[in-house]
Amino acid sequence: FISRQDEGQAVCAEVGAPNLKVQFDCYHCQIVEGDVASKLR
């Protein structure tokens, strides 16, 4: 259902729960988007 880091962050922002965050898998991020360091920053 979700593949991009910004999708995950948008979902967390909309839910608005402080104990909901994104699991950042560098492997998945590199395959889908690249620019892993910038996404981490």
PDB file of all heavy atoms in Angstrom:
ATOM      1  N   PHE A   1       0.794  -1.221   0.000  1.00  0.00           N
ATOM      2  CA  PHE A   1       0.000   0.000   0.000  1.00  0.00           C
ATOM      3  C   PHE A   1       0.830   1.276   0.000  1.00  0.00           C
ATOM      4  O   PHE A   1       0.450   2.267  -0.628  1.00  0.00           O
ATOM      5  CB  PHE A   1      -0.964   0.005   1.193  1.00  0.00           C
ATOM      6  CG  PHE A   1      -1.948   1.139   1.149  1.00  0.00           C
ATOM      7  CD1 PHE A   1      -2.883   1.230   0.138  1.00  0.00           C
ATOM      8  CD2 PHE A   1      -1.933   2.128   2.119  1.00  0.00           C
ATOM      9  CE1 PHE A   1      -3.797   2.277   0.081  1.00  0.00           C
ATOM     10  CE2 PHE A   1      -2.839   3.180   2.082  1.00  0.00           C
ATOM     11  CZ  PHE A   1      -3.771   3.254   1.064  1.00  0.00           C
ATOM     12  N   ILE A   2       1.957   1.314   0.702  1.00  0.00           N
ATOM     13  CA  ILE A   2       2.796   2.524   0.698  1.00  0.00           C
ATOM     14  C   ILE A   2       4.231   2.151   0.330  1.00  0.00           C
ATOM     15  O   ILE A   2       4.740   1.112   0.753  1.00  0.00           O
ATOM     16  CB  ILE A   2       2.771   3.294   2.033  1.00  0.00           C
ATOM     17  CG1 ILE A   2       3.274   2.436   3.195  1.00  0.00           C
ATOM     18  CG2 ILE A   2       1.376   3.826   2.321  1.00  0.00           C
ATOM     19  CD1 ILE A   2       3.480   3.229   4.480  1.00  0.00           C
ATOM     20  N   SER A   3       4.869   3.032  -0.447  1.00  0.00           N
ATOM     21  CA  SER A   3       6.212   2.727  -0.944  1.00  0.00           C
ATOM     22  C   SER A   3       7.216   3.848  -0.732  1.00  0.00           C
ATOM     23  O   SER A   3       8.415   3.611  -0.844  1.00  0.00           O
ATOM     24  CB  SER A   3       6.161   2.411  -2.450  1.00  0.00           C
ATOM     25  OG  SER A   3       5.377   1.274  -2.701  1.00  0.00           O
ATOM     26  N   ARG A   4       6.757   5.057  -0.470  1.00  0.00           N
ATOM     27  CA  ARG A   4       7.657   6.210  -0.384  1.00  0.00           C
ATOM     28  C   ARG A   4       7.722   6.753   1.038  1.00  0.00           C
ATOM     29  O   ARG A   4       6.747   6.695   1.791  1.00  0.00           O
ATOM     30  CB  ARG A   4       7.185   7.316  -1.324  1.00  0.00           C
ATOM     31  CG  ARG A   4       7.242   6.975  -2.800  1.00  0.00           C
ATOM     32  CD  ARG A   4       6.707   8.124  -3.648  1.00  0.00           C
ATOM     33  NE  ARG A   4       7.454   9.363  -3.373  1.00  0.00           N
ATOM     34  CZ  ARG A   4       8.597   9.714  -3.990  1.00  0.00           C
ATOM     35  NH1 ARG A   4       9.102   8.928  -4.929  1.00  0.00           N
ATOM     36  NH2 ARG A   4       9.212  10.838  -3.679  1.00  0.00           N
ATOM     37  N   GLN A   5       8.887   7.311   1.353  1.00  0.00           N
ATOM     38  CA  GLN A   5       9.061   7.898   2.680  1.00  0.00           C
ATOM     39  C   GLN A   5       8.086   9.048   2.917  1.00  0.00           C
ATOM     40  O   GLN A   5       7.533   9.188   4.019  1.00  0.00           O
ATOM     41  CB  GLN A   5      10.506   8.378   2.852  1.00  0.00           C
ATOM     42  CG  GLN A   5      11.547   7.278   2.816  1.00  0.00           C
ATOM     43  CD  GLN A   5      11.350   6.255   3.917  1.00  0.00           C
ATOM     44  OE1 GLN A   5      11.173   6.613   5.072  1.00  0.00           O
ATOM     45  NE2 GLN A   5      11.380   4.980   3.552  1.00  0.00           N
ATOM     46  N   ASP A   6       7.863   9.887   1.915  1.00  0.00           N
ATOM     47  CA  ASP A   6       6.948  11.008   2.132  1.00  0.00           C
ATOM     48  C   ASP A   6       5.517  10.530   2.346  1.00  0.00           C
ATOM     49  O   ASP A   6       4.749  11.171   3.082  1.00  0.00           O
ATOM     50  CB  ASP A   6       7.031  12.042   0.999  1.00  0.00           C
ATOM     51  CG  ASP A   6       6.831  11.462  -0.390  1.00  0.00           C
ATOM     52  OD1 ASP A   6       6.551  10.254  -0.516  1.00  0.00           O
ATOM     53  OD2 ASP A   6       6.963  12.230  -1.372  1.00  0.00           O
ATOM     54  N   GLU A   7       5.137   9.396   1.731  1.00  0.00           N
ATOM     55  CA  GLU A   7       3.820   8.813   2.004  1.00  0.00           C
ATOM     56  C   GLU A   7       3.701   8.429   3.478  1.00  0.00           C
ATOM     57  O   GLU A   7       2.685   8.711   4.130  1.00  0.00           O
ATOM     58  CB  GLU A   7       3.597   7.568   1.156  1.00  0.00           C
ATOM     59  CG  GLU A   7       3.353   7.776  -0.312  1.00  0.00           C
ATOM     60  CD  GLU A   7       3.119   6.446  -1.003  1.00  0.00           C
ATOM     61  OE1 GLU A   7       4.079   5.675  -1.163  1.00  0.00           O
ATOM     62  OE2 GLU A   7       1.960   6.179  -1.362  1.00  0.00           O
ATOM     63  N   GLY A   8       4.714   7.754   3.977  1.00  0.00           N
ATOM     64  CA  GLY A   8       4.687   7.339   5.374  1.00  0.00           C
ATOM     65  C   GLY A   8       4.626   8.527   6.319  1.00  0.00           C
ATOM     66  O   GLY A   8       3.855   8.537   7.294  1.00  0.00           O
ATOM     67  N   GLN A   9       5.425   9.544   6.041  1.00  0.00           N
ATOM     68  CA  GLN A   9       5.429  10.730   6.905  1.00  0.00           C
ATOM     69  C   GLN A   9       4.085  11.445   6.850  1.00  0.00           C
ATOM     70  O   GLN A   9       3.599  11.963   7.873  1.00  0.00           O
ATOM     71  CB  GLN A   9       6.559  11.669   6.503  1.00  0.00           C
ATOM     72  CG  GLN A   9       7.966  11.120   6.738  1.00  0.00           C
ATOM     73  CD  GLN A   9       8.287  10.925   8.211  1.00  0.00           C
ATOM     74  OE1 GLN A   9       7.703  11.558   9.081  1.00  0.00           O
ATOM     75  NE2 GLN A   9       9.253  10.049   8.491  1.00  0.00           N
ATOM     76  N   ALA A  10       3.458  11.491   5.676  1.00  0.00           N
ATOM     77  CA  ALA A  10       2.158  12.149   5.548  1.00  0.00           C
ATOM     78  C   ALA A  10       1.091  11.401   6.343  1.00  0.00           C
ATOM     79  O   ALA A  10       0.229  12.029   6.984  1.00  0.00           O
ATOM     80  CB  ALA A  10       1.765  12.241   4.075  1.00  0.00           C
ATOM     81  N   VAL A  11       1.126  10.079   6.308  1.00  0.00           N
ATOM     82  CA  VAL A  11       0.172   9.294   7.086  1.00  0.00           C
ATOM     83  C   VAL A  11       0.342   9.583   8.572  1.00  0.00           C
ATOM     84  O   VAL A  11      -0.634   9.818   9.296  1.00  0.00           O
ATOM     85  CB  VAL A  11       0.349   7.793   6.789  1.00  0.00           C
ATOM     86  CG1 VAL A  11      -0.376   6.932   7.818  1.00  0.00           C
ATOM     87  CG2 VAL A  11      -0.157   7.468   5.388  1.00  0.00           C
ATOM     88  N   CYS A  12       1.579   9.577   9.050  1.00  0.00           N
ATOM     89  CA  CYS A  12       1.815   9.844  10.471  1.00  0.00           C
ATOM     90  C   CYS A  12       1.339  11.242  10.860  1.00  0.00           C
ATOM     91  O   CYS A  12       0.751  11.438  11.935  1.00  0.00           O
ATOM     92  CB  CYS A  12       3.300   9.682  10.786  1.00  0.00           C
ATOM     93  SG  CYS A  12       3.878   7.968  10.712  1.00  0.00           S
ATOM     94  N   ALA A  13       1.589  12.217  10.003  1.00  0.00           N
ATOM     95  CA  ALA A  13       1.157  13.575  10.293  1.00  0.00           C
ATOM     96  C   ALA A  13      -0.364  13.656  10.369  1.00  0.00           C
ATOM     97  O   ALA A  13      -0.913  14.355  11.237  1.00  0.00           O
ATOM     98  CB  ALA A  13       1.689  14.532   9.230  1.00  0.00           C
ATOM     99  N   GLU A  14      -1.046  12.953   9.493  1.00  0.00           N
ATOM    100  CA  GLU A  14      -2.507  13.006   9.495  1.00  0.00           C
ATOM    101  C   GLU A  14      -3.096  12.277  10.693  1.00  0.00           C
ATOM    102  O   GLU A  14      -4.097  12.716  11.271  1.00  0.00           O
ATOM    103  CB  GLU A  14      -3.058  12.437   8.197  1.00  0.00           C
ATOM    104  CG  GLU A  14      -4.540  12.712   8.005  1.00  0.00           C
ATOM    105  CD  GLU A  14      -5.010  12.526   6.581  1.00  0.00           C
ATOM    106  OE1 GLU A  14      -4.153  12.386   5.679  1.00  0.00           O
ATOM    107  OE2 GLU A  14      -6.239  12.523   6.382  1.00  0.00           O
ATOM    108  N   VAL A  15      -2.497  11.177  11.079  1.00  0.00           N
ATOM    109  CA  VAL A  15      -2.964  10.476  12.279  1.00  0.00           C
ATOM    110  C   VAL A  15      -2.742  11.350  13.514  1.00  0.00           C
ATOM    111  O   VAL A  15      -3.590  11.436  14.402  1.00  0.00           O
ATOM    112  CB  VAL A  15      -2.262   9.116  12.422  1.00  0.00           C
ATOM    113  CG1 VAL A  15      -2.554   8.474  13.775  1.00  0.00           C
ATOM    114  CG2 VAL A  15      -2.693   8.186  11.295  1.00  0.00           C
ATOM    115  N   GLY A  16      -1.575  11.981  13.572  1.00  0.00           N
ATOM    116  CA  GLY A  16      -1.311  12.939  14.634  1.00  0.00           C
ATOM    117  C   GLY A  16      -0.990  12.343  15.988  1.00  0.00           C
ATOM    118  O   GLY A  16      -1.104  13.024  17.013  1.00  0.00           O
ATOM    119  N   ALA A  17      -0.573  11.077  16.024  1.00  0.00           N
ATOM    120  CA  ALA A  17      -0.232  10.435  17.296  1.00  0.00           C
ATOM    121  C   ALA A  17       1.272  10.522  17.513  1.00  0.00           C
ATOM    122  O   ALA A  17       2.047  10.114  16.644  1.00  0.00           O
ATOM    123  CB  ALA A  17      -0.671   8.977  17.288  1.00  0.00           C
ATOM    124  N   PRO A  18       1.730  11.005  18.650  1.00  0.00           N
ATOM    125  CA  PRO A  18       3.176  11.144  18.860  1.00  0.00           C
ATOM    126  C   PRO A  18       3.920   9.821  18.906  1.00  0.00           C
ATOM    127  O   PRO A  18       5.140   9.803  18.727  1.00  0.00           O
ATOM    128  CB  PRO A  18       3.270  11.882  20.205  1.00  0.00           C
ATOM    129  CG  PRO A  18       1.961  11.648  20.878  1.00  0.00           C
ATOM    130  CD  PRO A  18       0.944  11.526  19.781  1.00  0.00           C
ATOM    131  N   ASN A  19       3.211   8.724  19.148  1.00  0.00           N
ATOM    132  CA  ASN A  19       3.864   7.407  19.202  1.00  0.00           C
ATOM    133  C   ASN A  19       3.699   6.620  17.906  1.00  0.00           C
ATOM    134  O   ASN A  19       3.842   5.396  17.887  1.00  0.00           O
ATOM    135  CB  ASN A  19       3.336   6.589  20.375  1.00  0.00           C
ATOM    136  CG  ASN A  19       1.856   6.234  20.239  1.00  0.00           C
ATOM    137  OD1 ASN A  19       1.066   7.055  19.762  1.00  0.00           O
ATOM    138  ND2 ASN A  19       1.475   5.044  20.647  1.00  0.00           N
ATOM    139  N   LEU A  20       3.424   7.315  16.804  1.00  0.00           N
ATOM    140  CA  LEU A  20       3.399   6.691  15.478  1.00  0.00           C
ATOM    141  C   LEU A  20       4.462   7.346  14.616  1.00  0.00           C
ATOM    142  O   LEU A  20       4.430   8.557  14.377  1.00  0.00           O
ATOM    143  CB  LEU A  20       2.032   6.850  14.821  1.00  0.00           C
ATOM    144  CG  LEU A  20       1.914   6.280  13.398  1.00  0.00           C
ATOM    145  CD1 LEU A  20       2.042   4.752  13.415  1.00  0.00           C
ATOM    146  CD2 LEU A  20       0.604   6.708  12.743  1.00  0.00           C
ATOM    147  N   LYS A  21       5.430   6.537  14.136  1.00  0.00           N
ATOM    148  CA  LYS A  21       6.504   7.060  13.304  1.00  0.00           C
ATOM    149  C   LYS A  21       6.771   6.109  12.138  1.00  0.00           C
ATOM    150  O   LYS A  21       6.132   5.064  12.004  1.00  0.00           O
ATOM    151  CB  LYS A  21       7.774   7.288  14.137  1.00  0.00           C
ATOM    152  CG  LYS A  21       7.614   8.384  15.186  1.00  0.00           C
ATOM    153  CD  LYS A  21       8.943   8.806  15.783  1.00  0.00           C
ATOM    154  CE  LYS A  21       8.774   9.992  16.716  1.00  0.00           C
ATOM    155  NZ  LYS A  21      10.080  10.508  17.203  1.00  0.00           N
ATOM    156  N   VAL A  22       7.723   6.490  11.306  1.00  0.00           N
ATOM    157  CA  VAL A  22       8.051   5.716  10.107  1.00  0.00           C
ATOM    158  C   VAL A  22       9.269   4.835  10.365  1.00  0.00           C
ATOM    159  O   VAL A  22      10.242   5.267  10.987  1.00  0.00           O
ATOM    160  CB  VAL A  22       8.317   6.658   8.915  1.00  0.00           C
ATOM    161  CG1 VAL A  22       8.828   5.875   7.705  1.00  0.00           C
ATOM    162  CG2 VAL A  22       7.042   7.419   8.539  1.00  0.00           C
ATOM    163  N   GLN A  23       9.197   3.620   9.884  1.00  0.00           N
ATOM    164  CA  GLN A  23      10.350   2.717   9.875  1.00  0.00           C
ATOM    165  C   GLN A  23      11.116   2.975   8.583  1.00  0.00           C
ATOM    166  O   GLN A  23      10.611   2.710   7.490  1.00  0.00           O
ATOM    167  CB  GLN A  23       9.869   1.278   9.955  1.00  0.00           C
ATOM    168  CG  GLN A  23      10.974   0.240   9.966  1.00  0.00           C
ATOM    169  CD  GLN A  23      10.430  -1.120  10.351  1.00  0.00           C
ATOM    170  OE1 GLN A  23       9.821  -1.292  11.409  1.00  0.00           O
ATOM    171  NE2 GLN A  23      10.636  -2.107   9.491  1.00  0.00           N
ATOM    172  N   PHE A  24      12.317   3.510   8.709  1.00  0.00           N
ATOM    173  CA  PHE A  24      13.111   3.923   7.554  1.00  0.00           C
ATOM    174  C   PHE A  24      14.064   2.793   7.187  1.00  0.00           C
ATOM    175  O   PHE A  24      15.110   2.614   7.806  1.00  0.00           O
ATOM    176  CB  PHE A  24      13.904   5.191   7.896  1.00  0.00           C
ATOM    177  CG  PHE A  24      14.544   5.861   6.713  1.00  0.00           C
ATOM    178  CD1 PHE A  24      14.044   7.052   6.228  1.00  0.00           C
ATOM    179  CD2 PHE A  24      15.655   5.321   6.091  1.00  0.00           C
ATOM    180  CE1 PHE A  24      14.637   7.687   5.144  1.00  0.00           C
ATOM    181  CE2 PHE A  24      16.254   5.926   5.016  1.00  0.00           C
ATOM    182  CZ  PHE A  24      15.737   7.120   4.537  1.00  0.00           C
ATOM    183  N   ASP A  25      13.678   2.015   6.182  1.00  0.00           N
ATOM    184  CA  ASP A  25      14.535   0.947   5.678  1.00  0.00           C
ATOM    185  C   ASP A  25      15.349   1.515   4.518  1.00  0.00           C
ATOM    186  O   ASP A  25      14.798   1.832   3.457  1.00  0.00           O
ATOM    187  CB  ASP A  25      13.690  -0.232   5.229  1.00  0.00           C
ATOM    188  CG  ASP A  25      14.519  -1.468   4.918  1.00  0.00           C
ATOM    189  OD1 ASP A  25      15.550  -1.331   4.222  1.00  0.00           O
ATOM    190  OD2 ASP A  25      14.134  -2.568   5.350  1.00  0.00           O
ATOM    191  N   CYS A  26      16.656   1.628   4.718  1.00  0.00           N
ATOM    192  CA  CYS A  26      17.521   2.231   3.703  1.00  0.00           C
ATOM    193  C   CYS A  26      17.460   1.457   2.389  1.00  0.00           C
ATOM    194  O   CYS A  26      17.561   2.050   1.305  1.00  0.00           O
ATOM    195  CB  CYS A  26      18.952   2.308   4.208  1.00  0.00           C
ATOM    196  SG  CYS A  26      19.177   3.358   5.659  1.00  0.00           S
ATOM    197  N   TYR A  27      17.317   0.146   2.488  1.00  0.00           N
ATOM    198  CA  TYR A  27      17.225  -0.700   1.291  1.00  0.00           C
ATOM    199  C   TYR A  27      16.012  -0.321   0.455  1.00  0.00           C
ATOM    200  O   TYR A  27      16.118  -0.067  -0.752  1.00  0.00           O
ATOM    201  CB  TYR A  27      17.166  -2.165   1.739  1.00  0.00           C
ATOM    202  CG  TYR A  27      16.777  -3.153   0.681  1.00  0.00           C
ATOM    203  CD1 TYR A  27      17.704  -3.616  -0.251  1.00  0.00           C
ATOM    204  CD2 TYR A  27      15.476  -3.655   0.630  1.00  0.00           C
ATOM    205  CE1 TYR A  27      17.345  -4.552  -1.212  1.00  0.00           C
ATOM    206  CE2 TYR A  27      15.109  -4.593  -0.333  1.00  0.00           C
ATOM    207  CZ  TYR A  27      16.046  -5.035  -1.249  1.00  0.00           C
ATOM    208  OH  TYR A  27      15.675  -5.953  -2.203  1.00  0.00           O
ATOM    209  N   HIS A  28      14.839  -0.279   1.069  1.00  0.00           N
ATOM    210  CA  HIS A  28      13.624   0.072   0.329  1.00  0.00           C
ATOM    211  C   HIS A  28      13.699   1.489  -0.207  1.00  0.00           C
ATOM    212  O   HIS A  28      13.303   1.767  -1.350  1.00  0.00           O
ATOM    213  CB  HIS A  28      12.399  -0.084   1.218  1.00  0.00           C
ATOM    214  CG  HIS A  28      12.093  -1.494   1.595  1.00  0.00           C
ATOM    215  ND1 HIS A  28      11.910  -2.500   0.674  1.00  0.00           N
ATOM    216  CD2 HIS A  28      11.932  -2.079   2.811  1.00  0.00           C
ATOM    217  CE1 HIS A  28      11.652  -3.635   1.297  1.00  0.00           C
ATOM    218  NE2 HIS A  28      11.659  -3.407   2.597  1.00  0.00           N
ATOM    219  N   CYS A  29      14.191   2.413   0.611  1.00  0.00           N
ATOM    220  CA  CYS A  29      14.268   3.812   0.192  1.00  0.00           C
ATOM    221  C   CYS A  29      15.167   3.973  -1.029  1.00  0.00           C
ATOM    222  O   CYS A  29      14.825   4.693  -1.974  1.00  0.00           O
ATOM    223  CB  CYS A  29      14.749   4.683   1.346  1.00  0.00           C
ATOM    224  SG  CYS A  29      14.827   6.450   0.949  1.00  0.00           S
ATOM    225  N   GLN A  30      16.304   3.316  -1.032  1.00  0.00           N
ATOM    226  CA  GLN A  30      17.221   3.434  -2.163  1.00  0.00           C
ATOM    227  C   GLN A  30      16.595   2.898  -3.443  1.00  0.00           C
ATOM    228  O   GLN A  30      16.742   3.495  -4.516  1.00  0.00           O
ATOM    229  CB  GLN A  30      18.530   2.704  -1.865  1.00  0.00           C
ATOM    230  CG  GLN A  30      19.509   2.622  -3.024  1.00  0.00           C
ATOM    231  CD  GLN A  30      20.092   3.959  -3.434  1.00  0.00           C
ATOM    232  OE1 GLN A  30      19.842   4.989  -2.792  1.00  0.00           O
ATOM    233  NE2 GLN A  30      20.873   3.972  -4.497  1.00  0.00           N
ATOM    234  N   ILE A  31      15.880   1.787  -3.353  1.00  0.00           N
ATOM    235  CA  ILE A  31      15.279   1.197  -4.545  1.00  0.00           C
ATOM    236  C   ILE A  31      14.176   2.088  -5.100  1.00  0.00           C
ATOM    237  O   ILE A  31      14.071   2.301  -6.314  1.00  0.00           O
ATOM    238  CB  ILE A  31      14.741  -0.210  -4.226  1.00  0.00           C
ATOM    239  CG1 ILE A  31      15.911  -1.179  -3.995  1.00  0.00           C
ATOM    240  CG2 ILE A  31      13.842  -0.730  -5.355  1.00  0.00           C
ATOM    241  CD1 ILE A  31      15.504  -2.532  -3.477  1.00  0.00           C
ATOM    242  N   VAL A  32      13.362   2.658  -4.235  1.00  0.00           N
ATOM    243  CA  VAL A  32      12.210   3.440  -4.689  1.00  0.00           C
ATOM    244  C   VAL A  32      12.597   4.861  -5.065  1.00  0.00           C
ATOM    245  O   VAL A  32      12.161   5.402  -6.079  1.00  0.00           O
ATOM    246  CB  VAL A  32      11.122   3.474  -3.600  1.00  0.00           C
ATOM    247  CG1 VAL A  32       9.948   4.366  -4.027  1.00  0.00           C
ATOM    248  CG2 VAL A  32      10.619   2.059  -3.299  1.00  0.00           C
ATOM    249  N   GLU A  33      13.443   5.498  -4.220  1.00  0.00           N
ATOM    250  CA  GLU A  33      13.665   6.932  -4.346  1.00  0.00           C
ATOM    251  C   GLU A  33      15.123   7.329  -4.536  1.00  0.00           C
ATOM    252  O   GLU A  33      15.408   8.345  -5.168  1.00  0.00           O
ATOM    253  CB  GLU A  33      13.137   7.644  -3.096  1.00  0.00           C
ATOM    254  CG  GLU A  33      11.692   7.331  -2.775  1.00  0.00           C
ATOM    255  CD  GLU A  33      11.276   7.904  -1.438  1.00  0.00           C
ATOM    256  OE1 GLU A  33      11.277   9.150  -1.297  1.00  0.00           O
ATOM    257  OE2 GLU A  33      10.966   7.111  -0.529  1.00  0.00           O
ATOM    258  N   GLY A  34      16.043   6.575  -3.942  1.00  0.00           N
ATOM    259  CA  GLY A  34      17.432   7.016  -3.913  1.00  0.00           C
ATOM    260  C   GLY A  34      17.598   8.217  -2.999  1.00  0.00           C
ATOM    261  O   GLY A  34      16.694   8.585  -2.244  1.00  0.00           O
ATOM    262  N   ASP A  35      18.788   8.828  -3.057  1.00  0.00           N
ATOM    263  CA  ASP A  35      19.043  10.045  -2.270  1.00  0.00           C
ATOM    264  C   ASP A  35      18.742   9.795  -0.795  1.00  0.00           C
ATOM    265  O   ASP A  35      18.089  10.603  -0.124  1.00  0.00           O
ATOM    266  CB  ASP A  35      18.199  11.196  -2.820  1.00  0.00           C
ATOM    267  CG  ASP A  35      18.776  12.566  -2.482  1.00  0.00           C
ATOM    268  OD1 ASP A  35      19.930  12.632  -2.022  1.00  0.00           O
ATOM    269  OD2 ASP A  35      18.058  13.564  -2.671  1.00  0.00           O
ATOM    270  N   VAL A  36      19.225   8.667  -0.281  1.00  0.00           N
ATOM    271  CA  VAL A  36      18.875   8.223   1.062  1.00  0.00           C
ATOM    272  C   VAL A  36      19.298   9.234   2.121  1.00  0.00           C
ATOM    273  O   VAL A  36      18.547   9.522   3.063  1.00  0.00           O
ATOM    274  CB  VAL A  36      19.508   6.843   1.345  1.00  0.00           C
ATOM    275  CG1 VAL A  36      19.322   6.445   2.794  1.00  0.00           C
ATOM    276  CG2 VAL A  36      18.903   5.795   0.417  1.00  0.00           C
ATOM    277  N   ALA A  37      20.493   9.800   1.974  1.00  0.00           N
ATOM    278  CA  ALA A  37      20.977  10.738   2.987  1.00  0.00           C
ATOM    279  C   ALA A  37      20.052  11.945   3.106  1.00  0.00           C
ATOM    280  O   ALA A  37      19.747  12.408   4.220  1.00  0.00           O
ATOM    281  CB  ALA A  37      22.401  11.185   2.661  1.00  0.00           C
ATOM    282  N   SER A  38      19.593  12.459   1.977  1.00  0.00           N
ATOM    283  CA  SER A  38      18.697  13.616   2.018  1.00  0.00           C
ATOM    284  C   SER A  38      17.367  13.266   2.667  1.00  0.00           C
ATOM    285  O   SER A  38      16.781  14.085   3.394  1.00  0.00           O
ATOM    286  CB  SER A  38      18.458  14.167   0.619  1.00  0.00           C
ATOM    287  OG  SER A  38      19.640  14.748   0.103  1.00  0.00           O
ATOM    288  N   LYS A  39      16.883  12.045   2.416  1.00  0.00           N
ATOM    289  CA  LYS A  39      15.629  11.626   3.042  1.00  0.00           C
ATOM    290  C   LYS A  39      15.808  11.507   4.556  1.00  0.00           C
ATOM    291  O   LYS A  39      14.908  11.878   5.322  1.00  0.00           O
ATOM    292  CB  LYS A  39      15.159  10.296   2.456  1.00  0.00           C
ATOM    293  CG  LYS A  39      14.976  10.276   0.945  1.00  0.00           C
ATOM    294  CD  LYS A  39      13.977  11.301   0.472  1.00  0.00           C
ATOM    295  CE  LYS A  39      13.667  11.186  -1.012  1.00  0.00           C
ATOM    296  NZ  LYS A  39      14.826  11.287  -1.903  1.00  0.00           N
ATOM    297  N   LEU A  40      16.939  10.992   4.982  1.00  0.00           N
ATOM    298  CA  LEU A  40      17.194  10.914   6.424  1.00  0.00           C
ATOM    299  C   LEU A  40      17.249  12.309   7.050  1.00  0.00           C
ATOM    300  O   LEU A  40      16.654  12.549   8.109  1.00  0.00           O
ATOM    301  CB  LEU A  40      18.499  10.171   6.689  1.00  0.00           C
ATOM    302  CG  LEU A  40      18.452   8.648   6.560  1.00  0.00           C
ATOM    303  CD1 LEU A  40      19.863   8.070   6.521  1.00  0.00           C
ATOM    304  CD2 LEU A  40      17.669   8.034   7.722  1.00  0.00           C
ATOM    305  N   ARG A  41      17.956  13.223   6.397  1.00  0.00           N
ATOM    306  CA  ARG A  41      18.038  14.586   6.930  1.00  0.00           C
ATOM    307  C   ARG A  41      16.652  15.222   7.014  1.00  0.00           C
ATOM    308  O   ARG A  41      16.310  15.886   7.996  1.00  0.00           O
ATOM    309  CB  ARG A  41      18.951  15.445   6.049  1.00  0.00           C
ATOM    310  CG  ARG A  41      20.424  15.094   6.112  1.00  0.00           C
ATOM    311  CD  ARG A  41      21.260  16.136   5.376  1.00  0.00           C
ATOM    312  NE  ARG A  41      22.664  15.773   5.360  1.00  0.00           N
ATOM    313  CZ  ARG A  41      23.266  15.167   4.333  1.00  0.00           C
ATOM    314  NH1 ARG A  41      22.567  14.855   3.247  1.00  0.00           N
ATOM    315  NH2 ARG A  41      24.548  14.865   4.400  1.00  0.00           N
TER     316      ARG A  41
END
